[in-house]
Amino acid sequence: MNWQEQLKAFRDANPDLPEGEDVVEEPVDEEAEMRRRQPRLDVRMERKGRAGKTATLITGWVLDHDQLLAVASRLKQRMGVGGSVADGEILIQGDRRDQAVALLTELGFKARRV
């Protein structure tokens, strides 16, 4: 017996059940939806063009600029470092690859160290 036949048999056995017209929609968690749409992120260290100073770059975002700023702000606060958002990438000052991967995973993103 497939699920449709089971449902019909259940409804026939319980005629006083409502038809299901009053469906209550669950509230949408925007942050969870944002993380679900996000593919895997690459976290890498870079020195070129930075006068020998190291920076951690997080690339692969599909978020809009405002969402990216919010994520970058949260990462910078948790790590206690400076950084910026430019060209769809988050830049964190210093070599913070391991810490960035751990925090991104904690926030629900898929990230890997490159």
PDB file of N, CA and C in Angstrom:
ATOM      1  N   MET A   1       0.849  -1.163   0.000  1.00  0.00           N
ATOM      2  CA  MET A   1       0.000   0.000   0.000  1.00  0.00           C
ATOM      3  C   MET A   1       0.904   1.238   0.000  1.00  0.00           C
ATOM      4  N   ASN A   2       0.700   2.128  -0.979  1.00  0.00           N
ATOM      5  CA  ASN A   2       1.532   3.332  -1.032  1.00  0.00           C
ATOM      6  C   ASN A   2       0.986   4.387  -0.063  1.00  0.00           C
ATOM      7  N   TRP A   3       1.677   5.491   0.062  1.00  0.00           N
ATOM      8  CA  TRP A   3       1.329   6.507   1.051  1.00  0.00           C
ATOM      9  C   TRP A   3      -0.010   7.165   0.747  1.00  0.00           C
ATOM     10  N   GLN A   4      -0.365   7.279  -0.532  1.00  0.00           N
ATOM     11  CA  GLN A   4      -1.639   7.901  -0.876  1.00  0.00           C
ATOM     12  C   GLN A   4      -2.810   7.029  -0.431  1.00  0.00           C
ATOM     13  N   GLU A   5      -2.680   5.726  -0.636  1.00  0.00           N
ATOM     14  CA  GLU A   5      -3.731   4.806  -0.196  1.00  0.00           C
ATOM     15  C   GLU A   5      -3.821   4.783   1.329  1.00  0.00           C
ATOM     16  N   GLN A   6      -2.671   4.842   2.005  1.00  0.00           N
ATOM     17  CA  GLN A   6      -2.669   4.875   3.463  1.00  0.00           C
ATOM     18  C   GLN A   6      -3.356   6.145   3.981  1.00  0.00           C
ATOM     19  N   LEU A   7      -3.077   7.270   3.325  1.00  0.00           N
ATOM     20  CA  LEU A   7      -3.696   8.530   3.721  1.00  0.00           C
ATOM     21  C   LEU A   7      -5.203   8.492   3.513  1.00  0.00           C
ATOM     22  N   LYS A   8      -5.636   7.947   2.371  1.00  0.00           N
ATOM     23  CA  LYS A   8      -7.071   7.832   2.100  1.00  0.00           C
ATOM     24  C   LYS A   8      -7.745   6.940   3.133  1.00  0.00           C
ATOM     25  N   ALA A   9      -7.120   5.818   3.480  1.00  0.00           N
ATOM     26  CA  ALA A   9      -7.687   4.916   4.477  1.00  0.00           C
ATOM     27  C   ALA A   9      -7.751   5.607   5.844  1.00  0.00           C
ATOM     28  N   PHE A  10      -6.748   6.382   6.178  1.00  0.00           N
ATOM     29  CA  PHE A  10      -6.735   7.099   7.457  1.00  0.00           C
ATOM     30  C   PHE A  10      -7.849   8.128   7.501  1.00  0.00           C
ATOM     31  N   ARG A  11      -8.022   8.877   6.404  1.00  0.00           N
ATOM     32  CA  ARG A  11      -9.083   9.893   6.351  1.00  0.00           C
ATOM     33  C   ARG A  11     -10.471   9.252   6.400  1.00  0.00           C
ATOM     34  N   ASP A  12     -10.624   8.094   5.733  1.00  0.00           N
ATOM     35  CA  ASP A  12     -11.907   7.393   5.767  1.00  0.00           C
ATOM     36  C   ASP A  12     -12.221   6.916   7.184  1.00  0.00           C
ATOM     37  N   ALA A  13     -11.193   6.506   7.919  1.00  0.00           N
ATOM     38  CA  ALA A  13     -11.392   6.027   9.286  1.00  0.00           C
ATOM     39  C   ALA A  13     -11.650   7.173  10.261  1.00  0.00           C
ATOM     40  N   ASN A  14     -11.220   8.378   9.907  1.00  0.00           N
ATOM     41  CA  ASN A  14     -11.376   9.554  10.776  1.00  0.00           C
ATOM     42  C   ASN A  14     -12.044  10.687   9.998  1.00  0.00           C
ATOM     43  N   PRO A  15     -13.359  10.627   9.786  1.00  0.00           N
ATOM     44  CA  PRO A  15     -14.038  11.631   8.948  1.00  0.00           C
ATOM     45  C   PRO A  15     -14.100  13.023   9.575  1.00  0.00           C
ATOM     46  N   ASP A  16     -13.869  13.149  10.882  1.00  0.00           N
ATOM     47  CA  ASP A  16     -13.968  14.446  11.526  1.00  0.00           C
ATOM     48  C   ASP A  16     -12.684  15.272  11.414  1.00  0.00           C
ATOM     49  N   LEU A  17     -11.665  14.751  10.764  1.00  0.00           N
ATOM     50  CA  LEU A  17     -10.409  15.501  10.582  1.00  0.00           C
ATOM     51  C   LEU A  17     -10.613  16.617   9.566  1.00  0.00           C
ATOM     52  N   PRO A  18      -9.986  17.781   9.797  1.00  0.00           N
ATOM     53  CA  PRO A  18     -10.087  18.850   8.799  1.00  0.00           C
ATOM     54  C   PRO A  18      -9.344  18.451   7.525  1.00  0.00           C
ATOM     55  N   GLU A  19      -9.657  19.123   6.454  1.00  0.00           N
ATOM     56  CA  GLU A  19      -9.085  18.800   5.150  1.00  0.00           C
ATOM     57  C   GLU A  19      -7.655  19.290   4.981  1.00  0.00           C
ATOM     58  N   GLY A  20      -7.183  20.087   5.894  1.00  0.00           N
ATOM     59  CA  GLY A  20      -5.800  20.553   5.794  1.00  0.00           C
ATOM     60  C   GLY A  20      -5.659  21.891   5.118  1.00  0.00           C
ATOM     61  N   GLU A  21      -6.757  22.638   5.036  1.00  0.00           N
ATOM     62  CA  GLU A  21      -6.705  23.943   4.383  1.00  0.00           C
ATOM     63  C   GLU A  21      -5.988  24.984   5.241  1.00  0.00           C
ATOM     64  N   ASP A  22      -6.019  24.796   6.545  1.00  0.00           N
ATOM     65  CA  ASP A  22      -5.393  25.745   7.457  1.00  0.00           C
ATOM     66  C   ASP A  22      -3.957  25.334   7.745  1.00  0.00           C
ATOM     67  N   VAL A  23      -3.125  25.444   6.762  1.00  0.00           N
ATOM     68  CA  VAL A  23      -1.733  25.078   6.930  1.00  0.00           C
ATOM     69  C   VAL A  23      -0.988  26.273   7.519  1.00  0.00           C
ATOM     70  N   VAL A  24      -0.304  26.015   8.600  1.00  0.00           N
ATOM     71  CA  VAL A  24       0.467  27.073   9.252  1.00  0.00           C
ATOM     72  C   VAL A  24       1.897  26.982   8.752  1.00  0.00           C
ATOM     73  N   GLU A  25       2.371  28.075   8.156  1.00  0.00           N
ATOM     74  CA  GLU A  25       3.735  28.087   7.632  1.00  0.00           C
ATOM     75  C   GLU A  25       4.708  28.363   8.764  1.00  0.00           C
ATOM     76  N   GLU A  26       5.789  27.612   8.768  1.00  0.00           N
ATOM     77  CA  GLU A  26       6.819  27.797   9.778  1.00  0.00           C
ATOM     78  C   GLU A  26       7.626  29.037   9.430  1.00  0.00           C
ATOM     79  N   PRO A  27       8.074  29.795  10.427  1.00  0.00           N
ATOM     80  CA  PRO A  27       8.895  30.963  10.128  1.00  0.00           C
ATOM     81  C   PRO A  27      10.216  30.541   9.480  1.00  0.00           C
ATOM     82  N   VAL A  28      10.652  31.330   8.525  1.00  0.00           N
ATOM     83  CA  VAL A  28      11.871  31.020   7.792  1.00  0.00           C
ATOM     84  C   VAL A  28      13.060  31.638   8.526  1.00  0.00           C
ATOM     85  N   ASP A  29      14.032  30.817   8.846  1.00  0.00           N
ATOM     86  CA  ASP A  29      15.256  31.301   9.470  1.00  0.00           C
ATOM     87  C   ASP A  29      16.182  31.751   8.344  1.00  0.00           C
ATOM     88  N   GLU A  30      16.345  33.071   8.193  1.00  0.00           N
ATOM     89  CA  GLU A  30      17.111  33.606   7.064  1.00  0.00           C
ATOM     90  C   GLU A  30      18.572  33.171   7.107  1.00  0.00           C
ATOM     91  N   GLU A  31      19.155  33.100   8.296  1.00  0.00           N
ATOM     92  CA  GLU A  31      20.555  32.691   8.399  1.00  0.00           C
ATOM     93  C   GLU A  31      20.722  31.236   7.995  1.00  0.00           C
ATOM     94  N   ALA A  32      19.797  30.372   8.397  1.00  0.00           N
ATOM     95  CA  ALA A  32      19.875  28.956   8.023  1.00  0.00           C
ATOM     96  C   ALA A  32      19.699  28.802   6.516  1.00  0.00           C
ATOM     97  N   GLU A  33      18.800  29.567   5.934  1.00  0.00           N
ATOM     98  CA  GLU A  33      18.589  29.520   4.485  1.00  0.00           C
ATOM     99  C   GLU A  33      19.838  30.008   3.756  1.00  0.00           C
ATOM    100  N   MET A  34      20.470  31.055   4.290  1.00  0.00           N
ATOM    101  CA  MET A  34      21.686  31.601   3.692  1.00  0.00           C
ATOM    102  C   MET A  34      22.798  30.547   3.695  1.00  0.00           C
ATOM    103  N   ARG A  35      22.964  29.840   4.825  1.00  0.00           N
ATOM    104  CA  ARG A  35      24.009  28.819   4.918  1.00  0.00           C
ATOM    105  C   ARG A  35      23.710  27.625   4.017  1.00  0.00           C
ATOM    106  N   ARG A  36      22.426  27.295   3.851  1.00  0.00           N
ATOM    107  CA  ARG A  36      22.057  26.161   3.011  1.00  0.00           C
ATOM    108  C   ARG A  36      22.410  26.427   1.545  1.00  0.00           C
ATOM    109  N   ARG A  37      22.235  27.665   1.098  1.00  0.00           N
ATOM    110  CA  ARG A  37      22.527  28.005  -0.295  1.00  0.00           C
ATOM    111  C   ARG A  37      24.022  28.163  -0.568  1.00  0.00           C
ATOM    112  N   GLN A  38      24.799  28.336   0.469  1.00  0.00           N
ATOM    113  CA  GLN A  38      26.229  28.617   0.328  1.00  0.00           C
ATOM    114  C   GLN A  38      27.027  27.356   0.018  1.00  0.00           C
ATOM    115  N   PRO A  39      27.795  27.342  -1.093  1.00  0.00           N
ATOM    116  CA  PRO A  39      28.669  26.202  -1.357  1.00  0.00           C
ATOM    117  C   PRO A  39      29.891  26.223  -0.431  1.00  0.00           C
ATOM    118  N   ARG A  40      30.800  25.282  -0.627  1.00  0.00           N
ATOM    119  CA  ARG A  40      31.992  25.204   0.226  1.00  0.00           C
ATOM    120  C   ARG A  40      32.877  26.434   0.013  1.00  0.00           C
ATOM    121  N   LEU A  41      33.430  26.903   1.092  1.00  0.00           N
ATOM    122  CA  LEU A  41      34.303  28.077   1.076  1.00  0.00           C
ATOM    123  C   LEU A  41      35.760  27.635   1.117  1.00  0.00           C
ATOM    124  N   ASP A  42      36.624  28.400   0.488  1.00  0.00           N
ATOM    125  CA  ASP A  42      38.061  28.141   0.517  1.00  0.00           C
ATOM    126  C   ASP A  42      38.722  29.199   1.404  1.00  0.00           C
ATOM    127  N   VAL A  43      39.524  28.741   2.350  1.00  0.00           N
ATOM    128  CA  VAL A  43      40.237  29.635   3.271  1.00  0.00           C
ATOM    129  C   VAL A  43      41.718  29.479   2.973  1.00  0.00           C
ATOM    130  N   ARG A  44      42.356  30.562   2.506  1.00  0.00           N
ATOM    131  CA  ARG A  44      43.775  30.467   2.149  1.00  0.00           C
ATOM    132  C   ARG A  44      44.539  31.676   2.657  1.00  0.00           C
ATOM    133  N   MET A  45      45.858  31.499   2.745  1.00  0.00           N
ATOM    134  CA  MET A  45      46.742  32.575   3.179  1.00  0.00           C
ATOM    135  C   MET A  45      47.380  33.216   1.955  1.00  0.00           C
ATOM    136  N   GLU A  46      47.585  34.514   2.026  1.00  0.00           N
ATOM    137  CA  GLU A  46      48.191  35.220   0.904  1.00  0.00           C
ATOM    138  C   GLU A  46      49.149  36.282   1.422  1.00  0.00           C
ATOM    139  N   ARG A  47      50.260  36.464   0.692  1.00  0.00           N
ATOM    140  CA  ARG A  47      51.249  37.494   1.037  1.00  0.00           C
ATOM    141  C   ARG A  47      51.518  38.449  -0.116  1.00  0.00           C
ATOM    142  N   LYS A  48      51.277  38.006  -1.327  1.00  0.00           N
ATOM    143  CA  LYS A  48      51.635  38.816  -2.494  1.00  0.00           C
ATOM    144  C   LYS A  48      50.856  40.127  -2.532  1.00  0.00           C
ATOM    145  N   GLY A  49      51.570  41.190  -2.832  1.00  0.00           N
ATOM    146  CA  GLY A  49      50.945  42.500  -2.956  1.00  0.00           C
ATOM    147  C   GLY A  49      50.546  43.119  -1.631  1.00  0.00           C
ATOM    148  N   ARG A  50      51.082  42.600  -0.544  1.00  0.00           N
ATOM    149  CA  ARG A  50      50.706  43.105   0.773  1.00  0.00           C
ATOM    150  C   ARG A  50      51.942  43.510   1.579  1.00  0.00           C
ATOM    151  N   ALA A  51      53.012  43.857   0.910  1.00  0.00           N
ATOM    152  CA  ALA A  51      54.258  44.296   1.532  1.00  0.00           C
ATOM    153  C   ALA A  51      54.792  43.262   2.514  1.00  0.00           C
ATOM    154  N   GLY A  52      54.621  41.974   2.191  1.00  0.00           N
ATOM    155  CA  GLY A  52      55.150  40.895   3.014  1.00  0.00           C
ATOM    156  C   GLY A  52      54.270  40.510   4.193  1.00  0.00           C
ATOM    157  N   LYS A  53      53.173  41.219   4.378  1.00  0.00           N
ATOM    158  CA  LYS A  53      52.285  40.898   5.500  1.00  0.00           C
ATOM    159  C   LYS A  53      51.317  39.793   5.088  1.00  0.00           C
ATOM    160  N   THR A  54      50.988  38.933   6.025  1.00  0.00           N
ATOM    161  CA  THR A  54      50.096  37.822   5.707  1.00  0.00           C
ATOM    162  C   THR A  54      48.640  38.224   5.908  1.00  0.00           C
ATOM    163  N   ALA A  55      47.786  37.628   5.095  1.00  0.00           N
ATOM    164  CA  ALA A  55      46.352  37.851   5.195  1.00  0.00           C
ATOM    165  C   ALA A  55      45.648  36.535   4.902  1.00  0.00           C
ATOM    166  N   THR A  56      44.540  36.304   5.540  1.00  0.00           N
ATOM    167  CA  THR A  56      43.717  35.131   5.296  1.00  0.00           C
ATOM    168  C   THR A  56      42.554  35.557   4.424  1.00  0.00           C
ATOM    169  N   LEU A  57      42.383  34.889   3.283  1.00  0.00           N
ATOM    170  CA  LEU A  57      41.288  35.197   2.368  1.00  0.00           C
ATOM    171  C   LEU A  57      40.266  34.073   2.412  1.00  0.00           C
ATOM    172  N   ILE A  58      39.001  34.434   2.487  1.00  0.00           N
ATOM    173  CA  ILE A  58      37.910  33.468   2.463  1.00  0.00           C
ATOM    174  C   ILE A  58      37.120  33.747   1.190  1.00  0.00           C
ATOM    175  N   THR A  59      37.164  32.801   0.253  1.00  0.00           N
ATOM    176  CA  THR A  59      36.547  32.991  -1.055  1.00  0.00           C
ATOM    177  C   THR A  59      35.460  31.941  -1.297  1.00  0.00           C
ATOM    178  N   GLY A  60      34.646  32.201  -2.322  1.00  0.00           N
ATOM    179  CA  GLY A  60      33.607  31.260  -2.715  1.00  0.00           C
ATOM    180  C   GLY A  60      32.222  31.655  -2.233  1.00  0.00           C
ATOM    181  N   TRP A  61      32.029  32.901  -1.839  1.00  0.00           N
ATOM    182  CA  TRP A  61      30.745  33.348  -1.304  1.00  0.00           C
ATOM    183  C   TRP A  61      29.724  33.573  -2.411  1.00  0.00           C
ATOM    184  N   VAL A  62      28.465  33.287  -2.123  1.00  0.00           N
ATOM    185  CA  VAL A  62      27.368  33.617  -3.035  1.00  0.00           C
ATOM    186  C   VAL A  62      26.378  34.561  -2.348  1.00  0.00           C
ATOM    187  N   LEU A  63      26.796  35.177  -1.266  1.00  0.00           N
ATOM    188  CA  LEU A  63      25.947  36.091  -0.508  1.00  0.00           C
ATOM    189  C   LEU A  63      26.015  37.492  -1.098  1.00  0.00           C
ATOM    190  N   ASP A  64      24.995  38.294  -0.789  1.00  0.00           N
ATOM    191  CA  ASP A  64      25.074  39.686  -1.227  1.00  0.00           C
ATOM    192  C   ASP A  64      26.009  40.449  -0.283  1.00  0.00           C
ATOM    193  N   HIS A  65      26.315  41.682  -0.637  1.00  0.00           N
ATOM    194  CA  HIS A  65      27.341  42.448   0.072  1.00  0.00           C
ATOM    195  C   HIS A  65      26.987  42.665   1.547  1.00  0.00           C
ATOM    196  N   ASP A  66      25.721  42.955   1.840  1.00  0.00           N
ATOM    197  CA  ASP A  66      25.320  43.213   3.228  1.00  0.00           C
ATOM    198  C   ASP A  66      25.456  41.964   4.099  1.00  0.00           C
ATOM    199  N   GLN A  67      25.070  40.806   3.555  1.00  0.00           N
ATOM    200  CA  GLN A  67      25.210  39.555   4.304  1.00  0.00           C
ATOM    201  C   GLN A  67      26.678  39.231   4.524  1.00  0.00           C
ATOM    202  N   LEU A  68      27.492  39.502   3.511  1.00  0.00           N
ATOM    203  CA  LEU A  68      28.927  39.252   3.616  1.00  0.00           C
ATOM    204  C   LEU A  68      29.561  40.150   4.677  1.00  0.00           C
ATOM    205  N   LEU A  69      29.129  41.389   4.753  1.00  0.00           N
ATOM    206  CA  LEU A  69      29.626  42.295   5.789  1.00  0.00           C
ATOM    207  C   LEU A  69      29.258  41.793   7.186  1.00  0.00           C
ATOM    208  N   ALA A  70      28.057  41.257   7.332  1.00  0.00           N
ATOM    209  CA  ALA A  70      27.620  40.745   8.632  1.00  0.00           C
ATOM    210  C   ALA A  70      28.462  39.541   9.057  1.00  0.00           C
ATOM    211  N   VAL A  71      28.729  38.623   8.121  1.00  0.00           N
ATOM    212  CA  VAL A  71      29.550  37.449   8.433  1.00  0.00           C
ATOM    213  C   VAL A  71      30.977  37.880   8.758  1.00  0.00           C
ATOM    214  N   ALA A  72      31.522  38.814   7.967  1.00  0.00           N
ATOM    215  CA  ALA A  72      32.883  39.297   8.202  1.00  0.00           C
ATOM    216  C   ALA A  72      32.990  39.970   9.563  1.00  0.00           C
ATOM    217  N   SER A  73      32.004  40.751   9.923  1.00  0.00           N
ATOM    218  CA  SER A  73      32.011  41.428  11.214  1.00  0.00           C
ATOM    219  C   SER A  73      32.028  40.415  12.354  1.00  0.00           C
ATOM    220  N   ARG A  74      31.207  39.379  12.226  1.00  0.00           N
ATOM    221  CA  ARG A  74      31.159  38.344  13.263  1.00  0.00           C
ATOM    222  C   ARG A  74      32.500  37.621  13.375  1.00  0.00           C
ATOM    223  N   LEU A  75      33.110  37.286  12.231  1.00  0.00           N
ATOM    224  CA  LEU A  75      34.410  36.600  12.246  1.00  0.00           C
ATOM    225  C   LEU A  75      35.490  37.475  12.877  1.00  0.00           C
ATOM    226  N   LYS A  76      35.541  38.750  12.492  1.00  0.00           N
ATOM    227  CA  LYS A  76      36.571  39.644  13.012  1.00  0.00           C
ATOM    228  C   LYS A  76      36.428  39.846  14.516  1.00  0.00           C
ATOM    229  N   GLN A  77      35.201  39.957  14.989  1.00  0.00           N
ATOM    230  CA  GLN A  77      34.982  40.120  16.424  1.00  0.00           C
ATOM    231  C   GLN A  77      35.402  38.877  17.191  1.00  0.00           C
ATOM    232  N   ARG A  78      35.036  37.715  16.682  1.00  0.00           N
ATOM    233  CA  ARG A  78      35.358  36.467  17.384  1.00  0.00           C
ATOM    234  C   ARG A  78      36.858  36.200  17.406  1.00  0.00           C
ATOM    235  N   MET A  79      37.576  36.623  16.329  1.00  0.00           N
ATOM    236  CA  MET A  79      39.023  36.399  16.271  1.00  0.00           C
ATOM    237  C   MET A  79      39.806  37.538  16.902  1.00  0.00           C
ATOM    238  N   GLY A  80      39.189  38.687  17.055  1.00  0.00           N
ATOM    239  CA  GLY A  80      39.885  39.836  17.623  1.00  0.00           C
ATOM    240  C   GLY A  80      40.914  40.431  16.675  1.00  0.00           C
ATOM    241  N   VAL A  81      40.585  40.458  15.385  1.00  0.00           N
ATOM    242  CA  VAL A  81      41.507  40.983  14.377  1.00  0.00           C
ATOM    243  C   VAL A  81      40.768  41.950  13.463  1.00  0.00           C
ATOM    244  N   GLY A  82      41.526  42.601  12.599  1.00  0.00           N
ATOM    245  CA  GLY A  82      40.942  43.476  11.602  1.00  0.00           C
ATOM    246  C   GLY A  82      40.731  42.728  10.306  1.00  0.00           C
ATOM    247  N   GLY A  83      40.063  43.373   9.394  1.00  0.00           N
ATOM    248  CA  GLY A  83      39.826  42.766   8.093  1.00  0.00           C
ATOM    249  C   GLY A  83      38.898  43.632   7.275  1.00  0.00           C
ATOM    250  N   SER A  84      38.517  43.106   6.112  1.00  0.00           N
ATOM    251  CA  SER A  84      37.648  43.857   5.222  1.00  0.00           C
ATOM    252  C   SER A  84      36.916  42.909   4.284  1.00  0.00           C
ATOM    253  N   VAL A  85      35.990  43.490   3.531  1.00  0.00           N
ATOM    254  CA  VAL A  85      35.264  42.759   2.496  1.00  0.00           C
ATOM    255  C   VAL A  85      35.498  43.500   1.192  1.00  0.00           C
ATOM    256  N   ALA A  86      35.966  42.784   0.175  1.00  0.00           N
ATOM    257  CA  ALA A  86      36.189  43.389  -1.128  1.00  0.00           C
ATOM    258  C   ALA A  86      36.066  42.321  -2.210  1.00  0.00           C
ATOM    259  N   ASP A  87      35.431  42.667  -3.297  1.00  0.00           N
ATOM    260  CA  ASP A  87      35.296  41.784  -4.456  1.00  0.00           C
ATOM    261  C   ASP A  87      34.699  40.426  -4.087  1.00  0.00           C
ATOM    262  N   GLY A  88      33.743  40.407  -3.177  1.00  0.00           N
ATOM    263  CA  GLY A  88      33.095  39.157  -2.804  1.00  0.00           C
ATOM    264  C   GLY A  88      33.961  38.227  -1.977  1.00  0.00           C
ATOM    265  N   GLU A  89      35.014  38.759  -1.355  1.00  0.00           N
ATOM    266  CA  GLU A  89      35.902  37.965  -0.503  1.00  0.00           C
ATOM    267  C   GLU A  89      36.013  38.637   0.862  1.00  0.00           C
ATOM    268  N   ILE A  90      36.265  37.809   1.864  1.00  0.00           N
ATOM    269  CA  ILE A  90      36.532  38.352   3.197  1.00  0.00           C
ATOM    270  C   ILE A  90      38.026  38.242   3.437  1.00  0.00           C
ATOM    271  N   LEU A  91      38.643  39.348   3.829  1.00  0.00           N
ATOM    272  CA  LEU A  91      40.070  39.385   4.135  1.00  0.00           C
ATOM    273  C   LEU A  91      40.225  39.578   5.634  1.00  0.00           C
ATOM    274  N   ILE A  92      40.995  38.685   6.255  1.00  0.00           N
ATOM    275  CA  ILE A  92      41.281  38.758   7.690  1.00  0.00           C
ATOM    276  C   ILE A  92      42.777  38.986   7.846  1.00  0.00           C
ATOM    277  N   GLN A  93      43.175  39.915   8.689  1.00  0.00           N
ATOM    278  CA  GLN A  93      44.593  40.202   8.872  1.00  0.00           C
ATOM    279  C   GLN A  93      45.279  39.053   9.602  1.00  0.00           C
ATOM    280  N   GLY A  94      46.441  38.651   9.093  1.00  0.00           N
ATOM    281  CA  GLY A  94      47.235  37.599   9.720  1.00  0.00           C
ATOM    282  C   GLY A  94      46.883  36.212   9.192  1.00  0.00           C
ATOM    283  N   ASP A  95      47.678  35.234   9.592  1.00  0.00           N
ATOM    284  CA  ASP A  95      47.447  33.849   9.192  1.00  0.00           C
ATOM    285  C   ASP A  95      46.492  33.219  10.202  1.00  0.00           C
ATOM    286  N   ARG A  96      45.224  33.254   9.908  1.00  0.00           N
ATOM    287  CA  ARG A  96      44.184  32.756  10.810  1.00  0.00           C
ATOM    288  C   ARG A  96      43.364  31.661  10.131  1.00  0.00           C
ATOM    289  N   ARG A  97      43.998  30.860   9.277  1.00  0.00           N
ATOM    290  CA  ARG A  97      43.267  29.849   8.503  1.00  0.00           C
ATOM    291  C   ARG A  97      42.544  28.840   9.387  1.00  0.00           C
ATOM    292  N   ASP A  98      43.256  28.244  10.345  1.00  0.00           N
ATOM    293  CA  ASP A  98      42.636  27.222  11.190  1.00  0.00           C
ATOM    294  C   ASP A  98      41.480  27.802  12.007  1.00  0.00           C
ATOM    295  N   GLN A  99      41.703  28.975  12.554  1.00  0.00           N
ATOM    296  CA  GLN A  99      40.679  29.621  13.365  1.00  0.00           C
ATOM    297  C   GLN A  99      39.468  29.995  12.501  1.00  0.00           C
ATOM    298  N   ALA A 100      39.715  30.460  11.273  1.00  0.00           N
ATOM    299  CA  ALA A 100      38.628  30.840  10.375  1.00  0.00           C
ATOM    300  C   ALA A 100      37.793  29.622   9.979  1.00  0.00           C
ATOM    301  N   VAL A 101      38.458  28.515   9.664  1.00  0.00           N
ATOM    302  CA  VAL A 101      37.724  27.292   9.297  1.00  0.00           C
ATOM    303  C   VAL A 101      36.875  26.822  10.474  1.00  0.00           C
ATOM    304  N   ALA A 102      37.437  26.849  11.672  1.00  0.00           N
ATOM    305  CA  ALA A 102      36.698  26.412  12.859  1.00  0.00           C
ATOM    306  C   ALA A 102      35.465  27.301  13.098  1.00  0.00           C
ATOM    307  N   LEU A 103      35.631  28.602  12.998  1.00  0.00           N
ATOM    308  CA  LEU A 103      34.519  29.516  13.226  1.00  0.00           C
ATOM    309  C   LEU A 103      33.454  29.406  12.140  1.00  0.00           C
ATOM    310  N   LEU A 104      33.878  29.269  10.882  1.00  0.00           N
ATOM    311  CA  LEU A 104      32.907  29.122   9.797  1.00  0.00           C
ATOM    312  C   LEU A 104      32.110  27.836   9.960  1.00  0.00           C
ATOM    313  N   THR A 105      32.781  26.766  10.362  1.00  0.00           N
ATOM    314  CA  THR A 105      32.086  25.501  10.600  1.00  0.00           C
ATOM    315  C   THR A 105      31.100  25.647  11.759  1.00  0.00           C
ATOM    316  N   GLU A 106      31.513  26.347  12.787  1.00  0.00           N
ATOM    317  CA  GLU A 106      30.649  26.597  13.938  1.00  0.00           C
ATOM    318  C   GLU A 106      29.415  27.405  13.545  1.00  0.00           C
ATOM    319  N   LEU A 107      29.580  28.322  12.584  1.00  0.00           N
ATOM    320  CA  LEU A 107      28.466  29.136  12.114  1.00  0.00           C
ATOM    321  C   LEU A 107      27.580  28.387  11.123  1.00  0.00           C
ATOM    322  N   GLY A 108      27.988  27.183  10.719  1.00  0.00           N
ATOM    323  CA  GLY A 108      27.161  26.373   9.842  1.00  0.00           C
ATOM    324  C   GLY A 108      27.566  26.381   8.375  1.00  0.00           C
ATOM    325  N   PHE A 109      28.711  26.972   8.051  1.00  0.00           N
ATOM    326  CA  PHE A 109      29.203  26.989   6.680  1.00  0.00           C
ATOM    327  C   PHE A 109      30.117  25.794   6.460  1.00  0.00           C
ATOM    328  N   LYS A 110      30.230  25.378   5.195  1.00  0.00           N
ATOM    329  CA  LYS A 110      31.199  24.333   4.836  1.00  0.00           C
ATOM    330  C   LYS A 110      32.467  25.052   4.373  1.00  0.00           C
ATOM    331  N   ALA A 111      33.577  24.774   5.025  1.00  0.00           N
ATOM    332  CA  ALA A 111      34.815  25.465   4.693  1.00  0.00           C
ATOM    333  C   ALA A 111      35.978  24.471   4.697  1.00  0.00           C
ATOM    334  N   ARG A 112      36.972  24.771   3.877  1.00  0.00           N
ATOM    335  CA  ARG A 112      38.187  23.953   3.865  1.00  0.00           C
ATOM    336  C   ARG A 112      39.392  24.870   3.807  1.00  0.00           C
ATOM    337  N   ARG A 113      40.493  24.389   4.380  1.00  0.00           N
ATOM    338  CA  ARG A 113      41.763  25.127   4.352  1.00  0.00           C
ATOM    339  C   ARG A 113      42.486  24.745   3.076  1.00  0.00           C
ATOM    340  N   VAL A 114      42.917  25.754   2.327  1.00  0.00           N
ATOM    341  CA  VAL A 114      43.634  25.521   1.066  1.00  0.00           C
ATOM    342  C   VAL A 114      45.060  25.937   1.232  1.00  0.00           C
TER     343      VAL A 114
END
